[in-house]
Amino acid sequence: MNKLIAALIAGAFALGSVAAMADDKTPAQPVDQAKLKAEKEMAKADAAKLTPEEKKAKRAARRKELSTTEKTQQEGGASPQTNAATAAKATADSKAQPKALPDKAAKQKALTETEKKAGAGQ
């Protein structure tokens, strides 16, 4: 019986605190409409002053930024194209690494070839 009363009191306390949090109706911060309008007009004027080359560069930078954001924020992981590009890059990097030589004779032969190439280049 005591456990039931304790559970009821704890539940009432939890629901009471949730109701108190939900009832918090603080007013929003006042916004200076004139300031926002002035900033918008200044941005419009700055955009009108741009040359076509600057507009093209700005558009390309924005497109690159959006594509980067899209790649990093996609739900369910990266897209198949991104996965394929990453795998292709990893494959190319691994092929660029020199392979381990199996025995001492092969290592010595590779060393002499490298020295010959270096000598011929100088």
Protein backbone atom coordinates (compact mmCIF):
# COMPACT_ATOMS: atom_id res chain seq x y z
CA MET A 1 0.00 0.00 0.00
CA ASN A 2 2.84 2.39 0.86
CA LYS A 3 4.55 1.67 -2.48
CA LEU A 4 1.33 2.53 -4.33
CA ILE A 5 0.99 5.85 -2.53
CA ALA A 6 4.65 6.67 -3.20
CA ALA A 7 4.19 5.87 -6.89
CA LEU A 8 1.08 8.06 -7.10
CA ILE A 9 2.85 10.98 -5.42
CA ALA A 10 5.87 10.61 -7.74
CA GLY A 11 3.57 10.49 -10.79
CA ALA A 12 1.65 13.56 -9.67
CA PHE A 13 4.91 15.43 -9.12
CA ALA A 14 6.18 14.45 -12.59
CA LEU A 15 2.95 15.49 -14.33
CA GLY A 16 2.82 18.72 -12.32
CA SER A 17 6.34 19.71 -13.36
CA VAL A 18 5.61 18.89 -17.03
CA ALA A 19 2.48 21.06 -16.89
CA ALA A 20 4.45 23.91 -15.32
CA MET A 21 7.08 23.73 -18.06
CA ALA A 22 4.45 23.69 -20.80
CA ASP A 23 2.72 26.72 -19.31
CA ASP A 24 5.81 28.92 -19.72
CA LYS A 25 4.58 31.64 -22.09
CA THR A 26 7.41 34.14 -22.23
CA PRO A 27 6.94 36.79 -24.90
CA ALA A 28 9.18 36.71 -27.95
CA GLN A 29 12.00 39.19 -28.29
CA PRO A 30 10.95 42.34 -30.12
CA VAL A 31 12.29 42.63 -33.66
CA ASP A 32 13.32 45.94 -35.20
CA GLN A 33 11.51 45.79 -38.55
CA ALA A 34 13.17 48.96 -39.85
CA LYS A 35 16.63 47.54 -39.25
CA LEU A 36 15.77 44.28 -41.01
CA LYS A 37 14.33 46.17 -43.97
CA ALA A 38 17.43 48.36 -44.21
CA GLU A 39 19.71 45.30 -44.17
CA LYS A 40 17.63 43.69 -46.92
CA GLU A 41 17.83 46.83 -49.07
CA MET A 42 21.62 47.03 -48.59
CA ALA A 43 22.00 43.40 -49.62
CA LYS A 44 19.90 44.04 -52.73
CA ALA A 45 22.02 47.07 -53.63
CA ASP A 46 25.24 45.09 -53.16
CA ALA A 47 23.91 42.29 -55.37
CA ALA A 48 22.98 44.79 -58.08
CA LYS A 49 26.55 46.17 -58.11
CA LEU A 50 28.14 42.77 -58.83
CA THR A 51 29.62 42.12 -62.26
CA PRO A 52 28.51 39.04 -64.21
CA GLU A 53 31.79 37.27 -63.40
CA GLU A 54 31.36 37.97 -59.68
CA LYS A 55 27.77 36.72 -59.84
CA LYS A 56 28.93 33.53 -61.56
CA ALA A 57 31.67 32.98 -58.95
CA LYS A 58 29.24 33.64 -56.10
CA ARG A 59 26.71 31.23 -57.61
CA ALA A 60 29.37 28.52 -58.04
CA ALA A 61 30.55 28.93 -54.45
CA ARG A 62 26.99 28.68 -53.17
CA ARG A 63 26.34 25.58 -55.29
CA LYS A 64 29.50 23.94 -53.95
CA GLU A 65 28.50 24.79 -50.38
CA LEU A 66 25.04 23.32 -50.89
CA SER A 67 26.37 20.12 -52.43
CA THR A 68 28.79 19.67 -49.54
CA THR A 69 25.99 20.22 -47.05
CA GLU A 70 23.79 17.79 -48.95
CA LYS A 71 26.46 15.09 -48.82
CA THR A 72 27.03 15.44 -45.10
CA GLN A 73 23.41 15.76 -43.99
CA GLN A 74 21.71 13.11 -46.06
CA GLU A 75 19.56 10.72 -44.06
CA GLY A 76 20.57 7.09 -44.10
CA GLY A 77 24.22 7.77 -44.81
CA ALA A 78 25.95 8.92 -47.93
CA SER A 79 24.43 8.52 -51.37
CA PRO A 80 25.51 5.65 -53.65
CA GLN A 81 27.39 8.10 -55.88
CA THR A 82 29.34 9.43 -52.89
CA ASN A 83 30.11 5.90 -51.72
CA ALA A 84 31.33 4.95 -55.20
CA ALA A 85 33.52 8.05 -55.47
CA THR A 86 35.03 7.37 -52.05
CA ALA A 87 35.71 3.74 -52.93
CA ALA A 88 37.30 4.71 -56.26
CA LYS A 89 39.58 7.20 -54.52
CA ALA A 90 40.59 4.61 -51.93
CA THR A 91 41.33 2.09 -54.67
CA ALA A 92 43.48 4.58 -56.58
CA ASP A 93 45.37 5.46 -53.39
CA SER A 94 46.02 1.81 -52.58
CA LYS A 95 47.29 1.14 -56.12
CA ALA A 96 49.71 4.04 -55.78
CA GLN A 97 51.33 2.40 -52.74
CA PRO A 98 54.38 0.27 -53.50
CA LYS A 99 53.87 -3.45 -53.00
CA ALA A 100 55.87 -5.38 -50.44
CA LEU A 101 58.63 -7.44 -52.00
CA PRO A 102 58.69 -11.14 -51.04
CA ASP A 103 62.41 -11.82 -50.57
CA LYS A 104 65.81 -10.14 -50.20
CA ALA A 105 66.84 -10.71 -53.82
CA ALA A 106 63.74 -8.94 -55.12
CA LYS A 107 64.35 -6.07 -52.71
CA GLN A 108 67.95 -5.72 -53.86
CA LYS A 109 66.91 -5.79 -57.53
CA ALA A 110 64.29 -3.09 -56.94
CA LEU A 111 66.86 -0.96 -55.10
CA THR A 112 69.36 -1.14 -57.95
CA GLU A 113 66.65 -0.26 -60.49
CA THR A 114 65.64 2.73 -58.40
CA GLU A 115 69.26 3.88 -58.17
CA LYS A 116 69.68 3.53 -61.94
CA LYS A 117 66.55 5.63 -62.54
CA ALA A 118 67.75 8.27 -60.11
CA GLY A 119 71.20 8.33 -61.72
CA ALA A 120 69.78 8.65 -65.25
CA GLY A 121 67.63 11.60 -64.22
CA GLN A 122 70.56 13.61 -62.85
